[in-house]
Amino acid sequence: MSIEDIAELEPDPLEIDSRHCGECGLRIDQHRRVDTPEGPEFFCEDDLEIQIHLAAAVFADEYGRTLLLPPPEGQSRESLLDFVPTLASNLWHFPTIHVAGDPVAKLRGHLRILVYKKQNGSLHFVPAGKVRHTVTYRAITVEPFRISVKKLPRIKGAKRVPLHEITVLPVSNLTRKVARAAVAAVSSGAKNR
């Protein structure tokens, strides 16, 4: 066999395809690959479920109001796997961040960027349980933390809404579940006193 014959047997190297699948959200090159005579074909895994862990900050002032962040202005057609606005259906949502490790530390760092204040260290994060949510091929777990403040911080673009009536703005089911958990955390805290 000559070198030319061996070169013909080796498949051409594939470039990494960074596009995201419309069905599961993974990059195309992360799919199951099947080589066919026409070229490689990529398939979604049928039983693939991706675990996503988030932490959400639910501010609440003395009047029962909270803050919701706006949907992103320039919506990309490519949905990133754990891009929070995408997981919140590109609607109004609580300040939320993807976490691995200590959720309070990550959330505190995220809020430091959003709020631009040094009071961040004095904020008291009250855990509000865990919220589970499923979106196509994604199992989402959110750890909401209720943060009681006298006055809501100013965050560019955020709107103040009643915590028990966040649906005055278009919100996702995930955001509704987080709000219910935050309200329930205060109710259960009051019963335990």
N, C-alpha and C. Protein backbone atom coordinates (compact mmCIF):
# COMPACT_ATOMS: atom_id res chain seq x y z
N MET A 1 0.84 -1.17 0.00
CA MET A 1 0.00 0.00 0.00
C MET A 1 0.89 1.24 0.00
N SER A 2 0.56 2.18 -0.85
CA SER A 2 1.36 3.40 -0.93
C SER A 2 0.87 4.44 0.08
N ILE A 3 1.64 5.46 0.26
CA ILE A 3 1.28 6.55 1.19
C ILE A 3 0.00 7.23 0.73
N GLU A 4 -0.17 7.36 -0.59
CA GLU A 4 -1.37 7.99 -1.12
C GLU A 4 -2.62 7.17 -0.77
N ASP A 5 -2.51 5.83 -0.84
CA ASP A 5 -3.64 4.96 -0.49
C ASP A 5 -4.00 5.08 0.99
N ILE A 6 -2.98 5.17 1.83
CA ILE A 6 -3.23 5.30 3.27
C ILE A 6 -3.90 6.65 3.56
N ALA A 7 -3.45 7.70 2.89
CA ALA A 7 -4.03 9.03 3.09
C ALA A 7 -5.50 9.05 2.69
N GLU A 8 -5.85 8.28 1.65
CA GLU A 8 -7.25 8.23 1.23
C GLU A 8 -8.13 7.51 2.25
N LEU A 9 -7.58 6.56 3.00
CA LEU A 9 -8.34 5.82 3.99
C LEU A 9 -8.64 6.64 5.24
N GLU A 10 -7.77 7.58 5.56
CA GLU A 10 -7.99 8.38 6.78
C GLU A 10 -9.08 9.41 6.52
N PRO A 11 -10.02 9.56 7.47
CA PRO A 11 -11.06 10.57 7.28
C PRO A 11 -10.48 11.97 7.42
N ASP A 12 -11.12 12.90 6.75
CA ASP A 12 -10.69 14.29 6.86
C ASP A 12 -10.96 14.77 8.29
N PRO A 13 -10.05 15.56 8.84
CA PRO A 13 -10.31 16.07 10.19
C PRO A 13 -11.51 17.02 10.16
N LEU A 14 -12.37 16.91 11.19
CA LEU A 14 -13.55 17.75 11.26
C LEU A 14 -13.25 19.01 12.05
N GLU A 15 -13.78 20.12 11.57
CA GLU A 15 -13.67 21.34 12.35
C GLU A 15 -14.72 21.28 13.44
N ILE A 16 -14.44 21.90 14.56
CA ILE A 16 -15.41 21.91 15.65
C ILE A 16 -16.58 22.80 15.24
N ASP A 17 -17.76 22.25 15.32
CA ASP A 17 -18.97 22.97 14.95
C ASP A 17 -19.53 23.62 16.21
N SER A 18 -19.42 24.94 16.31
CA SER A 18 -19.84 25.63 17.53
C SER A 18 -21.32 26.02 17.53
N ARG A 19 -22.03 25.69 16.47
CA ARG A 19 -23.47 25.98 16.46
C ARG A 19 -24.17 25.14 17.52
N HIS A 20 -25.30 25.64 18.02
CA HIS A 20 -26.06 24.91 19.02
C HIS A 20 -27.26 24.24 18.38
N CYS A 21 -27.57 23.05 18.87
CA CYS A 21 -28.71 22.28 18.38
C CYS A 21 -30.00 22.95 18.83
N GLY A 22 -30.97 23.03 17.96
CA GLY A 22 -32.26 23.61 18.30
C GLY A 22 -33.08 22.73 19.22
N GLU A 23 -32.77 21.45 19.29
CA GLU A 23 -33.55 20.53 20.13
C GLU A 23 -33.04 20.43 21.55
N CYS A 24 -31.72 20.28 21.71
CA CYS A 24 -31.20 20.03 23.06
C CYS A 24 -30.30 21.13 23.59
N GLY A 25 -29.86 22.06 22.76
CA GLY A 25 -29.04 23.16 23.22
C GLY A 25 -27.55 22.90 23.25
N LEU A 26 -27.13 21.65 23.05
CA LEU A 26 -25.71 21.33 23.03
C LEU A 26 -25.10 21.75 21.70
N ARG A 27 -23.75 21.94 21.71
CA ARG A 27 -23.07 22.20 20.45
C ARG A 27 -23.20 20.96 19.57
N ILE A 28 -23.20 21.17 18.28
CA ILE A 28 -23.36 20.07 17.32
C ILE A 28 -22.27 19.03 17.52
N ASP A 29 -21.03 19.47 17.80
CA ASP A 29 -19.93 18.51 17.94
C ASP A 29 -20.01 17.70 19.23
N GLN A 30 -20.97 17.98 20.11
CA GLN A 30 -21.15 17.21 21.33
C GLN A 30 -22.19 16.10 21.17
N HIS A 31 -22.72 15.96 19.97
CA HIS A 31 -23.74 14.94 19.71
C HIS A 31 -23.09 13.60 19.35
N ARG A 32 -23.93 12.57 19.34
CA ARG A 32 -23.48 11.25 18.91
C ARG A 32 -23.19 11.33 17.41
N ARG A 33 -22.01 10.89 17.01
CA ARG A 33 -21.59 11.00 15.61
C ARG A 33 -21.69 9.64 14.93
N VAL A 34 -22.27 9.63 13.75
CA VAL A 34 -22.35 8.42 12.92
C VAL A 34 -21.77 8.78 11.56
N ASP A 35 -20.71 8.03 11.16
CA ASP A 35 -20.10 8.27 9.85
C ASP A 35 -20.89 7.53 8.78
N THR A 36 -21.29 8.25 7.76
CA THR A 36 -22.02 7.68 6.63
C THR A 36 -21.22 7.95 5.36
N PRO A 37 -21.56 7.29 4.26
CA PRO A 37 -20.84 7.56 3.01
C PRO A 37 -20.95 9.02 2.56
N GLU A 38 -22.04 9.68 2.93
CA GLU A 38 -22.23 11.08 2.55
C GLU A 38 -21.48 12.03 3.48
N GLY A 39 -20.98 11.53 4.58
CA GLY A 39 -20.28 12.36 5.56
C GLY A 39 -20.82 12.09 6.95
N PRO A 40 -20.25 12.72 7.96
CA PRO A 40 -20.71 12.45 9.32
C PRO A 40 -22.09 13.05 9.58
N GLU A 41 -22.88 12.34 10.38
CA GLU A 41 -24.18 12.84 10.82
C GLU A 41 -24.17 12.86 12.34
N PHE A 42 -24.86 13.85 12.92
CA PHE A 42 -24.87 14.01 14.36
C PHE A 42 -26.30 13.87 14.87
N PHE A 43 -26.45 13.15 16.00
CA PHE A 43 -27.77 12.88 16.56
C PHE A 43 -27.81 13.26 18.03
N CYS A 44 -28.98 13.78 18.47
CA CYS A 44 -29.19 14.07 19.89
C CYS A 44 -29.30 12.74 20.64
N GLU A 45 -28.83 12.72 21.86
CA GLU A 45 -29.01 11.54 22.71
C GLU A 45 -30.45 11.57 23.22
N ASP A 46 -31.15 10.47 23.11
CA ASP A 46 -32.55 10.42 23.50
C ASP A 46 -32.75 10.64 25.00
N ASP A 47 -31.90 10.05 25.81
CA ASP A 47 -32.11 10.12 27.24
C ASP A 47 -31.15 11.11 27.92
N LEU A 48 -30.62 12.03 27.14
CA LEU A 48 -29.68 13.00 27.67
C LEU A 48 -30.41 14.03 28.52
N GLU A 49 -30.00 14.20 29.76
CA GLU A 49 -30.57 15.25 30.60
C GLU A 49 -29.42 15.96 31.28
N ILE A 50 -29.34 17.24 31.08
CA ILE A 50 -28.24 18.03 31.59
C ILE A 50 -28.66 18.67 32.90
N GLN A 51 -27.81 18.53 33.91
CA GLN A 51 -28.08 19.10 35.23
C GLN A 51 -27.53 20.52 35.27
N ILE A 52 -28.37 21.49 35.61
CA ILE A 52 -27.96 22.88 35.72
C ILE A 52 -28.31 23.37 37.12
N HIS A 53 -27.32 23.96 37.80
CA HIS A 53 -27.52 24.48 39.16
C HIS A 53 -27.38 26.00 39.14
N LEU A 54 -28.40 26.67 39.65
CA LEU A 54 -28.43 28.13 39.68
C LEU A 54 -28.68 28.62 41.09
N ALA A 55 -28.33 29.88 41.34
CA ALA A 55 -28.68 30.55 42.60
C ALA A 55 -29.34 31.87 42.22
N ALA A 56 -30.41 32.22 42.92
CA ALA A 56 -31.16 33.44 42.62
C ALA A 56 -31.24 34.33 43.85
N ALA A 57 -31.11 35.63 43.63
CA ALA A 57 -31.25 36.62 44.70
C ALA A 57 -32.64 37.23 44.61
N VAL A 58 -33.42 37.06 45.66
CA VAL A 58 -34.77 37.62 45.70
C VAL A 58 -34.77 38.72 46.76
N PHE A 59 -34.59 39.95 46.30
CA PHE A 59 -34.64 41.08 47.21
C PHE A 59 -36.07 41.31 47.64
N ALA A 60 -36.27 41.76 48.87
CA ALA A 60 -37.61 42.11 49.35
C ALA A 60 -37.46 43.30 50.28
N ASP A 61 -38.17 44.40 49.96
CA ASP A 61 -38.11 45.56 50.84
C ASP A 61 -39.23 45.49 51.86
N GLU A 62 -39.31 46.49 52.72
CA GLU A 62 -40.32 46.47 53.80
C GLU A 62 -41.75 46.61 53.28
N TYR A 63 -41.90 46.98 52.01
CA TYR A 63 -43.24 47.09 51.41
C TYR A 63 -43.62 45.83 50.61
N GLY A 64 -42.76 44.82 50.65
CA GLY A 64 -43.04 43.57 49.94
C GLY A 64 -42.73 43.61 48.46
N ARG A 65 -41.91 44.58 48.05
CA ARG A 65 -41.54 44.68 46.64
C ARG A 65 -40.21 43.97 46.40
N THR A 66 -40.01 43.56 45.16
CA THR A 66 -38.77 42.90 44.76
C THR A 66 -38.29 43.49 43.44
N LEU A 67 -37.13 43.04 42.99
CA LEU A 67 -36.55 43.50 41.73
C LEU A 67 -36.54 42.37 40.71
N LEU A 68 -36.89 42.70 39.49
CA LEU A 68 -36.75 41.75 38.38
C LEU A 68 -35.88 42.40 37.31
N LEU A 69 -34.98 41.60 36.76
CA LEU A 69 -34.11 42.08 35.68
C LEU A 69 -34.81 41.90 34.35
N PRO A 70 -34.53 42.78 33.39
CA PRO A 70 -35.20 42.69 32.09
C PRO A 70 -34.64 41.57 31.23
N PRO A 71 -35.42 41.17 30.22
CA PRO A 71 -34.89 40.20 29.26
C PRO A 71 -33.73 40.86 28.51
N PRO A 72 -32.82 40.07 27.94
CA PRO A 72 -31.70 40.66 27.22
C PRO A 72 -32.19 41.42 25.99
N GLU A 73 -31.51 42.53 25.68
CA GLU A 73 -31.94 43.35 24.55
C GLU A 73 -31.69 42.67 23.21
N GLY A 74 -30.45 42.27 22.97
CA GLY A 74 -30.11 41.62 21.70
C GLY A 74 -30.22 40.12 21.85
N GLN A 75 -31.38 39.56 21.51
CA GLN A 75 -31.56 38.12 21.69
C GLN A 75 -30.88 37.37 20.56
N SER A 76 -30.00 36.49 20.95
CA SER A 76 -29.28 35.66 19.99
C SER A 76 -30.13 34.43 19.65
N ARG A 77 -30.01 33.97 18.44
CA ARG A 77 -30.75 32.76 18.06
C ARG A 77 -30.11 31.52 18.65
N GLU A 78 -28.84 31.63 19.02
CA GLU A 78 -28.16 30.49 19.62
C GLU A 78 -28.44 30.49 21.12
N SER A 79 -29.11 29.46 21.59
CA SER A 79 -29.38 29.39 23.02
C SER A 79 -28.23 28.68 23.72
N LEU A 80 -27.61 29.37 24.64
CA LEU A 80 -26.52 28.76 25.38
C LEU A 80 -27.11 27.86 26.45
N LEU A 81 -26.38 26.82 26.77
CA LEU A 81 -26.87 25.79 27.66
C LEU A 81 -27.32 26.30 29.02
N ASP A 82 -26.53 27.15 29.66
CA ASP A 82 -26.90 27.62 30.99
C ASP A 82 -26.98 29.14 31.05
N PHE A 83 -27.30 29.79 29.95
CA PHE A 83 -27.47 31.23 29.90
C PHE A 83 -28.80 31.55 30.59
N VAL A 84 -28.73 32.24 31.72
CA VAL A 84 -29.90 32.41 32.58
C VAL A 84 -31.10 33.03 31.87
N PRO A 85 -30.97 34.12 31.10
CA PRO A 85 -32.17 34.64 30.42
C PRO A 85 -32.84 33.61 29.52
N THR A 86 -32.04 32.75 28.89
CA THR A 86 -32.63 31.71 28.04
C THR A 86 -33.41 30.72 28.89
N LEU A 87 -32.86 30.35 30.05
CA LEU A 87 -33.56 29.41 30.93
C LEU A 87 -34.82 30.04 31.51
N ALA A 88 -34.84 31.37 31.60
CA ALA A 88 -36.03 32.08 32.08
C ALA A 88 -36.89 32.54 30.89
N SER A 89 -36.77 31.86 29.79
CA SER A 89 -37.57 32.10 28.58
C SER A 89 -37.42 33.52 28.02
N ASN A 90 -36.26 34.14 28.25
CA ASN A 90 -36.00 35.51 27.79
C ASN A 90 -37.09 36.48 28.27
N LEU A 91 -37.51 36.29 29.52
CA LEU A 91 -38.50 37.17 30.14
C LEU A 91 -37.87 37.81 31.37
N TRP A 92 -38.64 38.58 32.12
CA TRP A 92 -38.15 39.21 33.35
C TRP A 92 -37.79 38.12 34.35
N HIS A 93 -36.70 38.33 35.10
CA HIS A 93 -36.21 37.29 36.01
C HIS A 93 -35.45 37.91 37.18
N PHE A 94 -35.27 37.13 38.23
CA PHE A 94 -34.49 37.56 39.39
C PHE A 94 -33.00 37.54 39.04
N PRO A 95 -32.17 38.32 39.74
CA PRO A 95 -30.73 38.18 39.53
C PRO A 95 -30.32 36.74 39.83
N THR A 96 -29.86 36.06 38.84
CA THR A 96 -29.57 34.62 38.93
C THR A 96 -28.24 34.33 38.27
N ILE A 97 -27.54 33.34 38.82
CA ILE A 97 -26.24 32.99 38.28
C ILE A 97 -26.05 31.47 38.33
N HIS A 98 -25.31 30.95 37.37
CA HIS A 98 -24.94 29.53 37.35
C HIS A 98 -23.91 29.31 38.44
N VAL A 99 -24.09 28.26 39.25
CA VAL A 99 -23.16 28.01 40.36
C VAL A 99 -22.62 26.60 40.37
N ALA A 100 -21.40 26.51 40.86
CA ALA A 100 -20.78 25.24 41.20
C ALA A 100 -19.99 25.56 42.47
N GLY A 101 -20.35 24.95 43.55
CA GLY A 101 -19.68 25.28 44.82
C GLY A 101 -20.61 26.09 45.71
N ASP A 102 -20.05 27.06 46.41
CA ASP A 102 -20.80 27.87 47.38
C ASP A 102 -21.71 28.87 46.67
N PRO A 103 -23.03 28.67 46.71
CA PRO A 103 -23.93 29.56 45.97
C PRO A 103 -23.95 30.98 46.53
N VAL A 104 -23.81 31.14 47.86
CA VAL A 104 -23.85 32.49 48.45
C VAL A 104 -22.65 33.30 47.98
N ALA A 105 -21.48 32.71 47.97
CA ALA A 105 -20.28 33.43 47.54
C ALA A 105 -20.39 33.85 46.07
N LYS A 106 -20.86 32.94 45.24
CA LYS A 106 -21.02 33.26 43.81
C LYS A 106 -22.06 34.36 43.61
N LEU A 107 -23.18 34.25 44.33
CA LEU A 107 -24.25 35.23 44.20
C LEU A 107 -23.79 36.59 44.72
N ARG A 108 -23.06 36.59 45.81
CA ARG A 108 -22.53 37.84 46.38
C ARG A 108 -21.63 38.54 45.35
N GLY A 109 -20.77 37.76 44.68
CA GLY A 109 -19.89 38.31 43.64
C GLY A 109 -20.68 38.86 42.46
N HIS A 110 -21.74 38.15 42.06
CA HIS A 110 -22.59 38.60 40.96
C HIS A 110 -23.30 39.89 41.33
N LEU A 111 -23.81 39.97 42.55
CA LEU A 111 -24.52 41.17 42.99
C LEU A 111 -23.57 42.36 43.11
N ARG A 112 -22.32 42.10 43.46
CA ARG A 112 -21.33 43.18 43.56
C ARG A 112 -21.18 43.87 42.20
N ILE A 113 -21.26 43.09 41.13
CA ILE A 113 -21.16 43.65 39.78
C ILE A 113 -22.44 44.42 39.44
N LEU A 114 -23.59 43.87 39.79
CA LEU A 114 -24.88 44.50 39.45
C LEU A 114 -25.18 45.75 40.26
N VAL A 115 -24.89 45.71 41.56
CA VAL A 115 -25.35 46.76 42.46
C VAL A 115 -24.35 47.90 42.62
N TYR A 116 -23.08 47.67 42.39
CA TYR A 116 -22.04 48.68 42.51
C TYR A 116 -21.94 49.26 43.91
N LYS A 117 -22.20 48.50 44.93
CA LYS A 117 -22.11 49.00 46.30
C LYS A 117 -21.22 48.11 47.12
N LYS A 118 -20.71 48.69 48.20
CA LYS A 118 -19.86 47.91 49.09
C LYS A 118 -20.68 47.34 50.25
N GLN A 119 -21.98 47.58 50.26
CA GLN A 119 -22.85 47.04 51.31
C GLN A 119 -23.09 45.55 51.12
N ASN A 120 -22.65 45.04 50.03
CA ASN A 120 -22.90 43.65 49.67
C ASN A 120 -22.53 42.69 50.79
N GLY A 121 -21.47 42.99 51.52
CA GLY A 121 -21.03 42.10 52.60
C GLY A 121 -22.02 42.04 53.75
N SER A 122 -22.83 43.10 53.91
CA SER A 122 -23.78 43.12 55.02
C SER A 122 -25.13 42.51 54.66
N LEU A 123 -25.32 42.11 53.42
CA LEU A 123 -26.59 41.51 53.02
C LEU A 123 -26.73 40.14 53.68
N HIS A 124 -27.93 39.86 54.18
CA HIS A 124 -28.20 38.58 54.84
C HIS A 124 -28.99 37.69 53.87
N PHE A 125 -28.38 36.59 53.45
CA PHE A 125 -28.99 35.67 52.48
C PHE A 125 -29.75 34.58 53.24
N VAL A 126 -31.07 34.56 53.11
CA VAL A 126 -31.89 33.55 53.77
C VAL A 126 -32.26 32.49 52.74
N PRO A 127 -31.80 31.24 52.93
CA PRO A 127 -32.12 30.20 51.95
C PRO A 127 -33.64 29.95 51.91
N ALA A 128 -34.14 29.79 50.70
CA ALA A 128 -35.57 29.56 50.51
C ALA A 128 -35.82 28.18 49.90
N GLY A 129 -35.04 27.19 50.33
CA GLY A 129 -35.22 25.83 49.82
C GLY A 129 -34.62 25.69 48.43
N LYS A 130 -35.07 24.68 47.73
CA LYS A 130 -34.61 24.45 46.36
C LYS A 130 -35.83 24.37 45.45
N VAL A 131 -35.67 24.90 44.27
CA VAL A 131 -36.74 24.87 43.27
C VAL A 131 -36.25 24.00 42.12
N ARG A 132 -37.08 23.07 41.73
CA ARG A 132 -36.72 22.19 40.61
C ARG A 132 -37.61 22.54 39.42
N HIS A 133 -36.99 22.50 38.25
CA HIS A 133 -37.70 22.86 37.03
C HIS A 133 -37.07 22.06 35.89
N THR A 134 -37.86 21.70 34.93
CA THR A 134 -37.34 20.95 33.79
C THR A 134 -37.73 21.65 32.51
N VAL A 135 -36.74 21.82 31.65
CA VAL A 135 -36.95 22.36 30.31
C VAL A 135 -36.25 21.36 29.40
N THR A 136 -36.76 21.15 28.22
CA THR A 136 -36.26 20.15 27.29
C THR A 136 -34.79 19.79 27.52
N TYR A 137 -34.55 18.58 27.93
CA TYR A 137 -33.21 18.02 28.16
C TYR A 137 -32.43 18.70 29.28
N ARG A 138 -33.06 19.54 30.08
CA ARG A 138 -32.35 20.21 31.15
C ARG A 138 -33.10 20.02 32.46
N ALA A 139 -32.40 19.56 33.47
CA ALA A 139 -32.97 19.48 34.83
C ALA A 139 -32.34 20.63 35.61
N ILE A 140 -33.16 21.62 35.92
CA ILE A 140 -32.66 22.85 36.55
C ILE A 140 -33.00 22.82 38.04
N THR A 141 -32.00 23.12 38.86
CA THR A 141 -32.21 23.27 40.29
C THR A 141 -31.77 24.69 40.64
N VAL A 142 -32.69 25.45 41.24
CA VAL A 142 -32.38 26.82 41.65
C VAL A 142 -32.42 26.89 43.17
N GLU A 143 -31.41 27.52 43.74
CA GLU A 143 -31.39 27.80 45.18
C GLU A 143 -31.69 29.28 45.35
N PRO A 144 -32.95 29.63 45.65
CA PRO A 144 -33.26 31.04 45.85
C PRO A 144 -32.86 31.48 47.26
N PHE A 145 -32.39 32.71 47.36
CA PHE A 145 -32.04 33.31 48.64
C PHE A 145 -32.81 34.61 48.77
N ARG A 146 -33.58 34.72 49.83
CA ARG A 146 -34.32 35.95 50.08
C ARG A 146 -33.40 36.91 50.81
N ILE A 147 -33.37 38.15 50.33
CA ILE A 147 -32.53 39.18 50.91
C ILE A 147 -33.44 40.33 51.31
N SER A 148 -33.68 40.46 52.61
CA SER A 148 -34.54 41.54 53.11
C SER A 148 -33.73 42.81 53.25
N VAL A 149 -34.23 43.89 52.66
CA VAL A 149 -33.56 45.19 52.70
C VAL A 149 -34.59 46.28 53.01
N LYS A 150 -34.13 47.39 53.58
CA LYS A 150 -35.04 48.52 53.82
C LYS A 150 -35.45 49.14 52.50
N LYS A 151 -34.45 49.31 51.62
CA LYS A 151 -34.68 49.95 50.34
C LYS A 151 -34.05 49.09 49.25
N LEU A 152 -34.78 48.85 48.19
CA LEU A 152 -34.27 48.03 47.09
C LEU A 152 -33.10 48.73 46.40
N PRO A 153 -32.06 47.98 46.06
CA PRO A 153 -30.94 48.61 45.37
C PRO A 153 -31.34 49.02 43.96
N ARG A 154 -30.61 49.97 43.43
CA ARG A 154 -30.86 50.40 42.05
C ARG A 154 -29.98 49.57 41.13
N ILE A 155 -30.63 48.87 40.23
CA ILE A 155 -29.94 48.08 39.21
C ILE A 155 -30.45 48.57 37.87
N LYS A 156 -29.53 48.91 37.00
CA LYS A 156 -29.91 49.45 35.69
C LYS A 156 -30.88 48.52 34.96
N GLY A 157 -32.02 49.09 34.57
CA GLY A 157 -33.01 48.34 33.80
C GLY A 157 -33.98 47.50 34.63
N ALA A 158 -33.68 47.30 35.92
CA ALA A 158 -34.54 46.47 36.77
C ALA A 158 -35.84 47.21 37.09
N LYS A 159 -36.89 46.43 37.33
CA LYS A 159 -38.19 47.00 37.73
C LYS A 159 -38.57 46.49 39.10
N ARG A 160 -39.25 47.34 39.85
CA ARG A 160 -39.75 46.98 41.18
C ARG A 160 -41.19 46.50 41.03
N VAL A 161 -41.45 45.32 41.56
CA VAL A 161 -42.80 44.75 41.50
C VAL A 161 -43.11 44.10 42.84
N PRO A 162 -44.41 43.94 43.16
CA PRO A 162 -44.75 43.23 44.40
C PRO A 162 -44.30 41.77 44.31
N LEU A 163 -43.65 41.27 45.35
CA LEU A 163 -43.13 39.91 45.33
C LEU A 163 -44.24 38.88 45.16
N HIS A 164 -45.39 39.11 45.78
CA HIS A 164 -46.48 38.14 45.67
C HIS A 164 -47.28 38.31 44.37
N GLU A 165 -46.93 39.32 43.55
CA GLU A 165 -47.62 39.53 42.27
C GLU A 165 -46.61 39.83 41.16
N ILE A 166 -45.61 39.00 41.02
CA ILE A 166 -44.58 39.28 40.00
C ILE A 166 -45.11 39.16 38.58
N THR A 167 -46.30 38.61 38.42
CA THR A 167 -46.85 38.41 37.07
C THR A 167 -47.37 39.70 36.46
N VAL A 168 -47.17 40.85 37.14
CA VAL A 168 -47.50 42.12 36.49
C VAL A 168 -46.56 42.37 35.31
N LEU A 169 -45.43 41.66 35.31
CA LEU A 169 -44.50 41.66 34.18
C LEU A 169 -44.49 40.25 33.58
N PRO A 170 -44.15 40.12 32.31
CA PRO A 170 -44.06 38.77 31.73
C PRO A 170 -42.89 38.00 32.35
N VAL A 171 -43.19 36.92 33.05
CA VAL A 171 -42.18 36.09 33.70
C VAL A 171 -42.40 34.63 33.33
N SER A 172 -41.34 33.84 33.47
CA SER A 172 -41.42 32.41 33.16
C SER A 172 -41.96 31.63 34.35
N ASN A 173 -42.29 30.38 34.11
CA ASN A 173 -42.73 29.50 35.21
C ASN A 173 -41.61 29.32 36.22
N LEU A 174 -40.37 29.28 35.76
CA LEU A 174 -39.24 29.15 36.67
C LEU A 174 -39.17 30.35 37.62
N THR A 175 -39.36 31.54 37.11
CA THR A 175 -39.33 32.75 37.95
C THR A 175 -40.50 32.74 38.94
N ARG A 176 -41.65 32.25 38.52
CA ARG A 176 -42.81 32.14 39.43
C ARG A 176 -42.50 31.18 40.57
N LYS A 177 -41.88 30.06 40.26
CA LYS A 177 -41.53 29.08 41.29
C LYS A 177 -40.54 29.66 42.30
N VAL A 178 -39.57 30.42 41.81
CA VAL A 178 -38.59 31.06 42.70
C VAL A 178 -39.29 32.06 43.61
N ALA A 179 -40.21 32.84 43.08
CA ALA A 179 -40.95 33.83 43.89
C ALA A 179 -41.78 33.12 44.95
N ARG A 180 -42.46 32.03 44.59
CA ARG A 180 -43.27 31.29 45.57
C ARG A 180 -42.40 30.75 46.70
N ALA A 181 -41.20 30.26 46.35
CA ALA A 181 -40.29 29.74 47.37
C ALA A 181 -39.85 30.84 48.32
N ALA A 182 -39.58 32.03 47.78
CA ALA A 182 -39.14 33.16 48.62
C ALA A 182 -40.26 33.61 49.55
N VAL A 183 -41.49 33.65 49.05
CA VAL A 183 -42.64 34.02 49.89
C VAL A 183 -42.85 32.97 50.96
N ALA A 184 -42.76 31.70 50.60
CA ALA A 184 -42.94 30.60 51.54
C ALA A 184 -41.85 30.60 52.63
N ALA A 185 -40.65 31.00 52.26
CA ALA A 185 -39.55 31.05 53.24
C ALA A 185 -39.85 32.03 54.34
N VAL A 186 -40.45 33.15 54.00
CA VAL A 186 -40.81 34.16 55.01
C VAL A 186 -41.97 33.66 55.85
N SER A 187 -42.95 33.02 55.20
CA SER A 187 -44.10 32.49 55.93
C SER A 187 -43.68 31.42 56.93
N SER A 188 -42.81 30.50 56.51
CA SER A 188 -42.38 29.45 57.41
C SER A 188 -41.48 30.00 58.51
N GLY A 189 -40.70 31.05 58.20
CA GLY A 189 -39.86 31.68 59.21
C GLY A 189 -40.69 32.36 60.28
N ALA A 190 -41.80 32.95 59.85
CA ALA A 190 -42.69 33.62 60.80
C ALA A 190 -43.39 32.59 61.70
N LYS A 191 -43.73 31.43 61.17
CA LYS A 191 -44.40 30.39 61.96
C LYS A 191 -43.46 29.79 62.99
N ASN A 192 -42.16 29.71 62.66
CA ASN A 192 -41.20 29.10 63.56
C ASN A 192 -40.81 30.02 64.70
N ARG A 193 -41.18 31.28 64.67
CA ARG A 193 -40.82 32.22 65.75
C ARG A 193 -41.73 32.12 66.93
